[in-house]
């Protein structure tokens, strides 16, 4: 049983893909952080960075977007990777050859210039969206390339006769020479009439975008990509899922309406969930989300994974935990392989649930034999094949480290749900009680000797008050001809303390 569970609430929409009751993928969208990848904007050039051949573009979405010269010049390779296909080039190569990168960005963009751009990567944290001027407008079966005269068919359509047939159809379309089309995988199951109808719809969308661009005077959104509900229905059809279960009646009716246009492709059940127990609790998805918020994930074999994040990368550490307690030395290698195989499967699943993107280092348990290392690497590659985000996995090093990248499509689950702690500044650590006592003693001496304060009151958290030796501090103050009193305050952070001058009743500036 493969199904999508949709939890629709006022401020949040959640998508969960289950396979035989197990959570395989999670998407969380909130009103104030909607997904904008694929959206097309009229933007305005704010700043040009000549040294890195890039520019910042205002698209009226908070942080300014970022565009590199490679995303301004024609980029055939990017489209081949995005849509997993090879182009049949249908134009005069002498006039439309891929442009060399010896152009300067100042030749292409000027400050305050209006530009037509599309979002290719979500804004994350303080980083704005990544933009391109190589526009693509996706439909169900086709993708329109308004400013690239290329035509191609998805590599996933392997039947040569079918590929040739699709190429012939898209080559027959009467469109401007500068435009192109891509046949998506879903086009394999459709008719020439349906393809021509969609091609006409996509061209109409493009004409509407151009008209809006010409009419608007400031940065604005001209075209929005499909919403989460439509993407859910199309995903269910593409992956041949059994059903979609929705806990909101209006959304249920909307999903049924969308499906009516594609019902001949796949028999999909769309059902309304009407029971009192929350839908994500009923299917134990809340438990999985809670686990995904922790650094440590236990494996069935008794081992565990540790997920950590630095500024530049994510790291995953595989540990044997309790799993080797009853293993004999002769069985040790195979036991390590079993742990690593289970870890590879869980790592790939956690990537999809947590939406981890960027550079990733996986530290597997060291194994003696190369053949076992290859087994683990192949398992990891196999488990990431169905990931909607593109994964690139390199070889395993001698130390059992695997370098990989995963396409970053949107914010991770941690970025959506959490914010950095204002006390620890996101480190997850505070000073120990002993460190704080040493620091307080050092400050006390500075106040008595340098600031010449003699009558002092110290406010600190009650837990710290119980920990420090009050008699020792009174004795220290007396040694330097001063007096100190202590006062607990529940409102103070464990690492926070305040010295007050009893003479002025004001805090002492340290």
Protein backbone atom coordinates (compact mmCIF):
# COMPACT_ATOMS: atom_id res chain seq x y z
CA UNK A 1 0.00 0.00 0.00
CA UNK A 2 1.53 3.30 -1.14
CA UNK A 3 -0.31 6.48 -0.26
CA UNK A 4 -0.07 10.21 0.34
CA UNK A 5 -1.48 11.70 3.56
CA UNK A 6 -2.37 15.41 3.47
CA UNK A 7 -2.90 17.34 6.70
CA UNK A 8 -4.42 20.75 5.91
CA UNK A 9 -4.61 23.38 8.64
CA UNK A 10 -5.06 27.15 8.73
CA UNK A 11 -1.37 28.09 8.91
CA UNK A 12 0.31 24.90 7.74
CA UNK A 13 -0.05 22.16 5.12
CA UNK A 14 1.79 18.85 5.53
CA UNK A 15 2.43 16.14 2.95
CA UNK A 16 3.54 12.62 3.93
CA UNK A 17 4.35 9.80 1.51
CA UNK A 18 3.86 6.38 3.13
CA UNK A 19 4.99 3.04 1.76
CA UNK A 20 3.42 0.10 3.59
CA UNK A 21 2.75 2.37 6.57
CA UNK A 22 6.31 3.72 6.79
CA UNK A 23 7.04 7.43 6.31
CA UNK A 24 9.27 7.92 3.24
CA UNK A 25 8.98 11.62 2.47
CA UNK A 26 7.75 14.73 4.27
CA UNK A 27 6.94 18.24 3.06
CA UNK A 28 5.86 21.06 5.39
CA UNK A 29 4.56 24.32 3.92
CA UNK A 30 3.56 27.36 5.95
CA UNK A 31 1.72 30.48 4.87
CA UNK A 32 4.64 32.77 5.63
CA UNK A 33 7.19 30.51 3.89
CA UNK A 34 5.52 29.17 0.77
CA UNK A 35 7.64 27.43 -1.84
CA UNK A 36 8.60 29.71 -4.74
CA UNK A 37 10.81 27.44 -6.87
CA UNK A 38 9.57 27.58 -10.47
CA UNK A 39 7.88 30.96 -10.02
CA UNK A 40 8.58 33.58 -12.70
CA UNK A 41 9.10 37.25 -11.73
CA UNK A 42 9.61 40.68 -13.14
CA UNK A 43 12.71 41.65 -11.18
CA UNK A 44 14.91 44.72 -10.90
CA UNK A 45 18.73 44.68 -10.83
CA UNK A 46 19.82 46.08 -7.46
CA UNK A 47 23.56 45.46 -7.47
CA UNK A 48 26.13 43.97 -9.85
CA UNK A 49 29.14 42.12 -8.43
CA UNK A 50 31.72 42.29 -11.21
CA UNK A 51 34.38 40.25 -9.37
CA UNK A 52 32.15 37.14 -9.15
CA UNK A 53 30.15 37.86 -12.33
CA UNK A 54 26.84 37.91 -10.45
CA UNK A 55 23.99 40.26 -9.59
CA UNK A 56 21.36 40.75 -6.90
CA UNK A 57 17.78 41.03 -8.18
CA UNK A 58 14.78 42.42 -6.28
CA UNK A 59 11.81 40.06 -6.87
CA UNK A 60 9.63 41.38 -4.03
CA UNK A 61 10.07 38.23 -1.91
CA UNK A 62 12.01 39.57 1.08
CA UNK A 63 15.72 38.89 0.46
CA UNK A 64 17.01 39.84 -2.99
CA UNK A 65 17.52 36.96 -5.41
CA UNK A 66 20.97 36.02 -6.77
CA UNK A 67 21.88 35.33 -10.41
CA UNK A 68 25.23 34.24 -11.89
CA UNK A 69 26.32 34.90 -15.46
CA UNK A 70 26.00 31.15 -16.20
CA UNK A 71 22.27 31.46 -15.47
CA UNK A 72 21.93 34.42 -17.84
CA UNK A 73 23.68 32.86 -20.85
CA UNK A 74 22.05 29.89 -22.55
CA UNK A 75 22.65 26.77 -20.44
CA UNK A 76 21.71 23.57 -22.29
CA UNK A 77 23.50 21.32 -19.78
CA UNK A 78 21.36 22.65 -16.93
CA UNK A 79 18.14 21.64 -18.70
CA UNK A 80 19.52 18.21 -19.59
CA UNK A 81 20.20 17.61 -15.87
CA UNK A 82 16.91 19.12 -14.65
CA UNK A 83 14.70 17.06 -16.93
CA UNK A 84 16.96 13.98 -17.27
CA UNK A 85 17.11 14.08 -21.06
CA UNK A 86 19.29 14.68 -24.15
CA UNK A 87 18.48 17.46 -26.59
CA UNK A 88 18.12 16.96 -30.30
CA UNK A 89 19.49 20.30 -31.42
CA UNK A 90 17.15 21.74 -34.06
CA UNK A 91 18.86 24.94 -35.11
CA UNK A 92 21.82 26.37 -36.98
CA UNK A 93 24.76 25.67 -34.67
CA UNK A 94 26.75 28.59 -36.09
CA UNK A 95 24.12 31.09 -34.92
CA UNK A 96 22.89 29.44 -31.69
CA UNK A 97 26.04 27.83 -30.33
CA UNK A 98 26.25 27.76 -26.52
CA UNK A 99 27.77 31.08 -25.59
CA UNK A 100 31.26 31.10 -24.13
CA UNK A 101 31.80 32.37 -20.62
CA UNK A 102 34.17 35.16 -21.74
CA UNK A 103 31.33 37.70 -21.62
CA UNK A 104 31.23 40.26 -18.83
CA UNK A 105 28.08 40.56 -16.70
CA UNK A 106 28.15 44.35 -17.19
CA UNK A 107 27.47 43.74 -20.89
CA UNK A 108 24.27 41.88 -19.99
CA UNK A 109 22.86 43.71 -16.97
CA UNK A 110 22.67 47.31 -15.78
CA UNK A 111 21.61 48.63 -12.38
CA UNK A 112 17.81 49.25 -12.10
CA UNK A 113 17.21 47.26 -15.32
CA UNK A 114 13.94 45.24 -15.35
CA UNK A 115 14.58 41.51 -15.92
CA UNK A 116 12.49 38.37 -16.42
CA UNK A 117 13.77 35.65 -14.08
CA UNK A 118 12.71 32.30 -12.64
CA UNK A 119 13.52 30.83 -9.20
CA UNK A 120 15.60 27.64 -9.39
CA UNK A 121 16.51 27.35 -5.70
CA UNK A 122 14.52 28.36 -2.62
CA UNK A 123 15.74 31.18 -0.34
CA UNK A 124 17.26 29.65 2.80
CA UNK A 125 17.96 31.60 5.99
CA UNK A 126 19.48 34.95 5.00
CA UNK A 127 20.34 33.72 1.48
CA UNK A 128 18.00 34.90 -1.25
CA UNK A 129 16.59 32.73 -4.02
CA UNK A 130 18.86 31.48 -6.83
CA UNK A 131 17.58 32.81 -10.15
CA UNK A 132 17.92 32.09 -13.87
CA UNK A 133 16.87 33.85 -17.05
CA UNK A 134 16.68 30.47 -18.84
CA UNK A 135 12.91 30.18 -18.37
CA UNK A 136 11.04 26.84 -18.44
CA UNK A 137 7.26 26.44 -18.08
CA UNK A 138 6.36 22.86 -17.11
CA UNK A 139 3.11 21.16 -18.00
CA UNK A 140 1.96 17.60 -17.31
CA UNK A 141 3.47 16.13 -20.49
CA UNK A 142 5.61 18.92 -21.92
CA UNK A 143 7.99 21.66 -20.82
CA UNK A 144 8.06 24.88 -22.85
CA UNK A 145 11.44 26.60 -23.28
CA UNK A 146 10.42 30.13 -24.41
CA UNK A 147 13.96 31.38 -25.13
CA UNK A 148 15.80 28.17 -26.11
CA UNK A 149 15.21 26.55 -29.53
CA UNK A 150 15.89 23.00 -28.34
CA UNK A 151 13.68 19.93 -28.55
CA UNK A 152 14.19 16.72 -26.56
CA UNK A 153 12.68 13.65 -24.92
CA UNK A 154 13.17 12.35 -21.37
CA UNK A 155 15.79 9.60 -21.04
CA UNK A 156 13.32 7.62 -18.94
CA UNK A 157 11.36 6.89 -22.14
CA UNK A 158 13.60 4.07 -23.38
CA UNK A 159 11.50 2.73 -26.30
CA UNK A 160 13.25 4.00 -29.46
CA UNK A 161 10.12 3.95 -31.62
CA UNK A 162 8.18 5.91 -29.03
CA UNK A 163 11.03 8.42 -28.67
CA UNK A 164 11.11 8.94 -32.44
CA UNK A 165 7.33 9.35 -32.52
CA UNK A 166 7.41 12.01 -29.76
CA UNK A 167 10.27 13.86 -31.47
CA UNK A 168 8.29 13.92 -34.70
CA UNK A 169 5.21 15.33 -32.88
CA UNK A 170 7.06 18.18 -31.12
CA UNK A 171 8.97 19.02 -34.32
CA UNK A 172 5.61 19.47 -36.06
CA UNK A 173 4.47 22.16 -33.59
CA UNK A 174 4.13 25.58 -35.21
CA UNK A 175 6.07 27.74 -32.76
CA UNK A 176 8.62 30.58 -33.10
CA UNK A 177 12.13 29.37 -34.05
CA UNK A 178 13.61 30.61 -30.78
CA UNK A 179 11.33 28.33 -28.69
CA UNK A 180 11.66 24.67 -27.78
CA UNK A 181 9.82 21.79 -26.08
CA UNK A 182 10.75 18.87 -23.85
CA UNK A 183 8.63 15.68 -23.72
CA UNK A 184 8.37 14.56 -20.09
CA UNK A 185 8.12 10.93 -18.98
CA UNK A 186 4.31 11.19 -18.65
CA UNK A 187 4.06 11.99 -22.39
CA UNK A 188 4.72 8.29 -23.12
CA UNK A 189 1.11 7.47 -22.16
CA UNK A 190 -0.67 10.22 -24.03
CA UNK A 191 -1.94 11.06 -27.54
CA UNK A 192 -0.81 13.55 -30.16
CA UNK A 193 -4.00 15.57 -29.64
CA UNK A 194 -3.36 15.86 -25.86
CA UNK A 195 0.22 16.97 -26.51
CA UNK A 196 -0.90 19.63 -28.98
CA UNK A 197 -3.57 20.85 -26.55
CA UNK A 198 -1.03 21.19 -23.74
CA UNK A 199 1.48 22.87 -26.07
CA UNK A 200 -1.19 25.46 -26.91
CA UNK A 201 -1.93 26.00 -23.18
CA UNK A 202 1.77 26.47 -22.36
CA UNK A 203 2.21 28.99 -25.17
CA UNK A 204 -0.83 30.89 -23.85
CA UNK A 205 0.73 30.93 -20.35
CA UNK A 206 3.93 32.34 -21.83
CA UNK A 207 2.07 35.07 -23.72
CA UNK A 208 0.24 35.99 -20.49
CA UNK A 209 3.58 36.22 -18.67
CA UNK A 210 5.01 38.53 -21.36
CA UNK A 211 1.91 40.79 -21.21
CA UNK A 212 2.11 41.00 -17.41
CA UNK A 213 5.82 41.81 -17.63
CA UNK A 214 5.15 44.69 -20.04
CA UNK A 215 2.29 46.09 -17.95
CA UNK A 216 3.95 45.91 -14.51
CA UNK A 217 6.23 48.70 -13.34
CA UNK A 218 7.81 47.15 -10.25
CA UNK A 219 9.11 43.72 -9.08
CA UNK A 220 6.22 41.25 -8.99
CA UNK A 221 5.33 37.56 -9.46
CA UNK A 222 4.10 36.85 -13.00
CA UNK A 223 3.60 33.07 -12.80
CA UNK A 224 3.30 30.63 -9.88
CA UNK A 225 4.30 26.98 -10.00
CA UNK A 226 1.72 24.31 -9.07
CA UNK A 227 0.64 24.28 -5.42
CA UNK A 228 1.22 21.39 -3.00
CA UNK A 229 -2.18 19.78 -3.69
CA UNK A 230 -1.71 19.63 -7.46
CA UNK A 231 1.85 18.35 -7.04
CA UNK A 232 0.53 15.65 -4.69
CA UNK A 233 -2.04 14.44 -7.24
CA UNK A 234 0.51 14.36 -10.08
CA UNK A 235 3.07 12.60 -7.86
CA UNK A 236 0.48 9.95 -6.97
CA UNK A 237 -0.23 9.38 -10.67
CA UNK A 238 3.47 9.32 -11.69
CA UNK A 239 4.49 6.93 -8.91
CA UNK A 240 1.37 4.76 -9.33
CA UNK A 241 0.30 5.22 -5.71
CA UNK A 242 -2.86 3.61 -4.34
CA UNK A 243 -4.58 6.59 -2.72
CA UNK A 244 -4.49 10.12 -1.33
CA UNK A 245 -6.10 10.69 2.08
CA UNK A 246 -7.04 14.29 2.98
CA UNK A 247 -8.42 15.66 6.27
CA UNK A 248 -9.92 18.88 4.81
CA UNK A 249 -13.13 18.65 2.76
CA UNK A 250 -12.49 21.69 0.53
CA UNK A 251 -9.02 20.40 -0.30
CA UNK A 252 -10.47 16.93 -0.94
CA UNK A 253 -12.91 18.40 -3.52
CA UNK A 254 -10.09 20.44 -5.11
CA UNK A 255 -7.89 17.32 -5.41
CA UNK A 256 -10.78 15.37 -7.01
CA UNK A 257 -11.26 18.16 -9.54
CA UNK A 258 -7.57 18.13 -10.48
CA UNK A 259 -7.55 14.33 -10.79
CA UNK A 260 -10.54 14.37 -13.16
CA UNK A 261 -8.25 15.67 -15.94
CA UNK A 262 -5.83 12.75 -15.54
CA UNK A 263 -8.11 9.90 -14.41
CA UNK A 264 -7.42 7.83 -17.52
CA UNK A 265 -3.70 7.60 -16.63
CA UNK A 266 -3.95 5.76 -13.32
CA UNK A 267 -6.79 4.49 -11.05
CA UNK A 268 -6.18 6.60 -7.95
CA UNK A 269 -8.40 6.69 -4.85
CA UNK A 270 -8.86 10.14 -3.30
CA UNK A 271 -10.56 9.86 0.10
CA UNK A 272 -11.74 12.28 2.76
CA UNK A 273 -10.54 11.51 6.32
CA UNK A 274 -13.33 12.29 8.82
CA UNK A 275 -12.30 10.68 12.12
CA UNK A 276 -11.72 12.65 15.36
CA UNK A 277 -8.14 11.45 15.94
CA UNK A 278 -5.70 13.75 14.03
CA UNK A 279 -4.66 12.16 10.74
CA UNK A 280 -0.89 12.39 11.39
CA UNK A 281 -1.33 10.73 14.78
CA UNK A 282 -3.51 7.98 13.33
CA UNK A 283 -0.75 7.00 10.90
CA UNK A 284 2.09 7.54 13.43
CA UNK A 285 3.61 10.31 11.33
CA UNK A 286 3.89 12.68 14.32
CA UNK A 287 6.19 10.13 15.98
CA UNK A 288 8.43 10.06 12.90
CA UNK A 289 8.56 13.86 12.76
CA UNK A 290 9.54 13.97 16.43
CA UNK A 291 12.36 11.47 15.77
CA UNK A 292 13.56 13.53 12.79
CA UNK A 293 14.01 16.55 15.08
CA UNK A 294 16.63 14.71 17.14
CA UNK A 295 20.31 14.28 16.33
CA UNK A 296 20.25 10.59 17.27
CA UNK A 297 18.29 7.91 15.37
CA UNK A 298 18.28 4.30 16.59
CA UNK A 299 18.47 1.44 14.07
CA UNK A 300 16.62 -1.86 14.49
CA UNK A 301 19.93 -3.75 14.71
CA UNK A 302 20.93 -1.80 17.84
CA UNK A 303 23.23 0.68 16.10
CA UNK A 304 22.44 4.37 15.73
CA UNK A 305 23.01 7.41 13.50
CA UNK A 306 24.13 10.89 14.53
CA UNK A 307 23.14 13.84 12.32
CA UNK A 308 25.09 17.09 12.69
CA UNK A 309 25.29 20.32 10.72
CA UNK A 310 28.09 22.83 10.21
CA UNK A 311 28.08 26.02 8.14
CA UNK A 312 29.40 24.22 5.05
CA UNK A 313 28.00 20.68 5.29
CA UNK A 314 25.95 18.01 7.03
CA UNK A 315 27.60 14.98 8.62
CA UNK A 316 26.10 11.58 9.42
CA UNK A 317 27.97 9.29 11.82
CA UNK A 318 27.13 5.55 11.91
CA UNK A 319 27.75 3.85 15.28
CA UNK A 320 27.48 0.16 16.24
CA UNK A 321 25.84 0.91 19.62
CA UNK A 322 24.51 -2.28 21.25
CA UNK A 323 24.56 -4.34 18.07
CA UNK A 324 27.94 -6.05 18.54
CA UNK A 325 27.48 -7.27 22.12
CA UNK A 326 26.94 -10.93 21.20
CA UNK A 327 29.10 -11.11 18.06
CA UNK A 328 32.17 -13.37 17.86
CA UNK A 329 35.39 -12.11 16.17
CA UNK A 330 34.77 -14.42 13.19
CA UNK A 331 31.35 -12.85 12.54
CA UNK A 332 32.45 -9.26 13.20
CA UNK A 333 32.95 -8.15 9.57
CA UNK A 334 29.53 -9.42 8.44
CA UNK A 335 27.92 -7.82 11.51
CA UNK A 336 29.48 -4.47 10.57
CA UNK A 337 28.20 -4.88 7.00
CA UNK A 338 24.65 -5.54 8.32
CA UNK A 339 24.77 -2.37 10.44
CA UNK A 340 26.08 -0.29 7.53
CA UNK A 341 23.47 -1.68 5.10
CA UNK A 342 20.64 -0.81 7.48
CA UNK A 343 22.26 2.58 8.12
CA UNK A 344 22.47 3.33 4.35
CA UNK A 345 18.74 2.66 3.98
CA UNK A 346 17.81 4.79 7.00
CA UNK A 347 20.19 7.62 5.97
CA UNK A 348 18.48 7.91 2.57
CA UNK A 349 15.05 7.93 4.24
CA UNK A 350 16.08 10.57 6.79
CA UNK A 351 17.39 12.79 3.98
CA UNK A 352 13.91 12.80 2.47
CA UNK A 353 12.12 13.34 5.80
CA UNK A 354 14.52 16.00 7.10
CA UNK A 355 15.09 17.48 3.62
CA UNK A 356 18.83 17.69 4.12
CA UNK A 357 20.59 19.36 1.17
CA UNK A 358 24.02 20.52 0.07
CA UNK A 359 27.33 18.78 0.84
CA UNK A 360 27.01 15.68 3.04
CA UNK A 361 29.66 13.41 4.60
CA UNK A 362 28.54 9.93 5.74
CA UNK A 363 30.94 8.21 8.15
CA UNK A 364 30.20 4.46 7.96
CA UNK A 365 31.77 1.91 10.34
CA UNK A 366 35.17 0.78 9.00
CA UNK A 367 35.16 -2.53 7.15
CA UNK A 368 38.15 -4.65 6.16
CA UNK A 369 37.22 -5.71 2.63
CA UNK A 370 36.75 -3.54 -0.46
CA UNK A 371 33.86 -5.72 -1.69
CA UNK A 372 31.92 -4.85 1.47
CA UNK A 373 32.59 -1.15 0.96
CA UNK A 374 31.19 -1.48 -2.55
CA UNK A 375 28.07 -3.22 -1.16
CA UNK A 376 27.38 -0.29 1.16
CA UNK A 377 27.97 2.27 -1.58
CA UNK A 378 25.63 0.47 -3.99
CA UNK A 379 22.97 0.20 -1.27
CA UNK A 380 23.16 3.95 -0.61
CA UNK A 381 22.89 4.71 -4.34
CA UNK A 382 19.95 2.33 -4.71
CA UNK A 383 18.09 3.91 -1.78
CA UNK A 384 18.50 7.44 -3.18
CA UNK A 385 17.24 6.54 -6.69
CA UNK A 386 13.61 7.39 -5.92
CA UNK A 387 14.52 10.66 -4.20
CA UNK A 388 12.85 13.62 -5.93
CA UNK A 389 15.98 15.66 -5.10
CA UNK A 390 19.01 14.81 -7.22
CA UNK A 391 21.77 12.97 -5.29
CA UNK A 392 25.39 12.64 -6.43
CA UNK A 393 27.39 10.02 -4.49
CA UNK A 394 31.18 9.66 -4.76
CA UNK A 395 33.27 6.63 -3.81
CA UNK A 396 33.97 5.49 -0.24
CA UNK A 397 37.37 6.54 1.13
CA UNK A 398 39.79 4.28 3.00
CA UNK A 399 38.36 5.66 6.26
CA UNK A 400 34.79 4.66 5.40
CA UNK A 401 33.74 8.22 4.49
CA UNK A 402 31.29 8.83 1.64
CA UNK A 403 31.08 12.30 0.11
CA UNK A 404 27.79 13.17 -1.55
CA UNK A 405 25.56 16.08 -2.48
CA UNK A 406 21.78 16.32 -2.40
CA UNK A 407 19.85 18.98 -4.26
CA UNK A 408 18.53 21.65 -1.88
CA UNK A 409 14.94 22.37 -2.95
CA UNK A 410 13.56 24.05 0.15
CA UNK A 411 14.30 24.63 3.84
CA UNK A 412 15.04 21.61 5.99
CA UNK A 413 12.58 20.46 8.66
CA UNK A 414 14.88 21.92 11.36
CA UNK A 415 14.94 25.32 9.64
CA UNK A 416 11.14 25.33 9.35
CA UNK A 417 10.36 24.25 12.92
CA UNK A 418 13.25 25.68 14.96
CA UNK A 419 15.01 28.99 15.41
CA UNK A 420 18.45 29.48 16.95
CA UNK A 421 18.52 29.68 20.76
CA UNK A 422 19.22 33.33 21.74
CA UNK A 423 21.21 32.13 24.77
CA UNK A 424 23.56 29.58 23.21
CA UNK A 425 23.49 31.30 19.74
CA UNK A 426 22.70 28.03 18.04
CA UNK A 427 25.63 26.06 19.48
CA UNK A 428 23.43 23.96 21.78
CA UNK A 429 25.87 24.58 24.64
CA UNK A 430 26.15 26.92 27.65
CA UNK A 431 28.98 27.46 30.14
CA UNK A 432 29.35 24.89 32.90
CA UNK A 433 28.59 25.91 36.50
CA UNK A 434 32.26 25.69 37.43
CA UNK A 435 33.25 27.95 34.50
CA UNK A 436 30.63 30.48 35.54
CA UNK A 437 31.76 30.53 39.19
CA UNK A 438 35.36 31.20 38.07
CA UNK A 439 34.13 34.00 35.82
CA UNK A 440 32.03 35.56 38.61
CA UNK A 441 35.02 35.54 40.98
CA UNK A 442 37.20 37.24 38.34
CA UNK A 443 34.54 39.95 37.76
CA UNK A 444 34.06 40.46 41.51
CA UNK A 445 37.78 41.20 41.97
CA UNK A 446 37.68 43.63 39.02
CA UNK A 447 34.71 45.49 40.57
CA UNK A 448 36.35 45.74 43.98
CA UNK A 449 39.82 46.77 42.76
CA UNK A 450 39.23 48.70 39.52
CA UNK A 451 35.71 50.13 39.89
CA UNK A 452 36.27 50.76 43.63
CA UNK A 453 32.79 49.49 44.53
CA UNK A 454 32.58 48.32 48.14
CA UNK A 455 28.95 47.33 48.77
CA UNK A 456 27.67 44.86 46.13
CA UNK A 457 24.63 42.70 45.53
CA UNK A 458 24.79 39.75 43.09
CA UNK A 459 21.67 38.46 41.30
CA UNK A 460 21.87 35.04 39.61
CA UNK A 461 19.77 31.95 38.87
CA UNK A 462 18.77 29.98 42.04
CA UNK A 463 20.47 26.84 40.69
CA UNK A 464 23.76 28.75 40.42
CA UNK A 465 23.17 30.32 43.81
CA UNK A 466 22.96 26.85 45.38
CA UNK A 467 26.08 25.71 43.52
CA UNK A 468 28.55 28.47 44.42
CA UNK A 469 30.23 28.70 47.83
CA UNK A 470 28.75 31.90 49.31
CA UNK A 471 31.10 31.93 52.32
CA UNK A 472 34.13 31.86 50.00
CA UNK A 473 32.84 34.87 48.04
CA UNK A 474 32.03 36.81 51.22
CA UNK A 475 35.57 36.10 52.44
CA UNK A 476 37.05 37.19 49.09
CA UNK A 477 35.10 40.48 49.15
CA UNK A 478 36.20 41.14 52.73
CA UNK A 479 39.84 40.58 51.73
CA UNK A 480 39.49 43.55 49.33
CA UNK A 481 37.56 45.67 51.88
CA UNK A 482 34.16 45.02 50.37
CA UNK A 483 30.83 43.33 51.14
CA UNK A 484 28.68 41.10 48.91
CA UNK A 485 25.10 39.85 49.24
CA UNK A 486 23.40 37.17 47.07
CA UNK A 487 19.92 37.10 45.60
CA UNK A 488 18.31 34.35 43.46
CA UNK A 489 16.19 35.32 40.44
CA UNK A 490 14.16 32.69 38.51
CA UNK A 491 13.87 34.98 35.50
CA UNK A 492 17.60 34.96 34.83
CA UNK A 493 19.23 32.51 32.39
CA UNK A 494 21.62 29.97 33.96
CA UNK A 495 24.60 31.82 32.46
CA UNK A 496 23.32 35.30 33.33
CA UNK A 497 24.27 37.26 36.45
CA UNK A 498 23.96 40.94 37.46
CA UNK A 499 26.14 42.92 39.92
CA UNK A 500 24.23 45.80 41.60
CA UNK A 501 25.81 48.71 43.49
CA UNK A 502 23.92 49.06 46.76
CA UNK A 503 25.08 52.67 46.95
CA UNK A 504 23.38 53.73 43.69
CA UNK A 505 21.00 50.74 43.30
CA UNK A 506 22.10 50.50 39.62
CA UNK A 507 23.77 47.65 37.71
CA UNK A 508 27.56 47.88 37.62
CA UNK A 509 28.89 48.24 34.07
CA UNK A 510 31.58 45.57 33.71
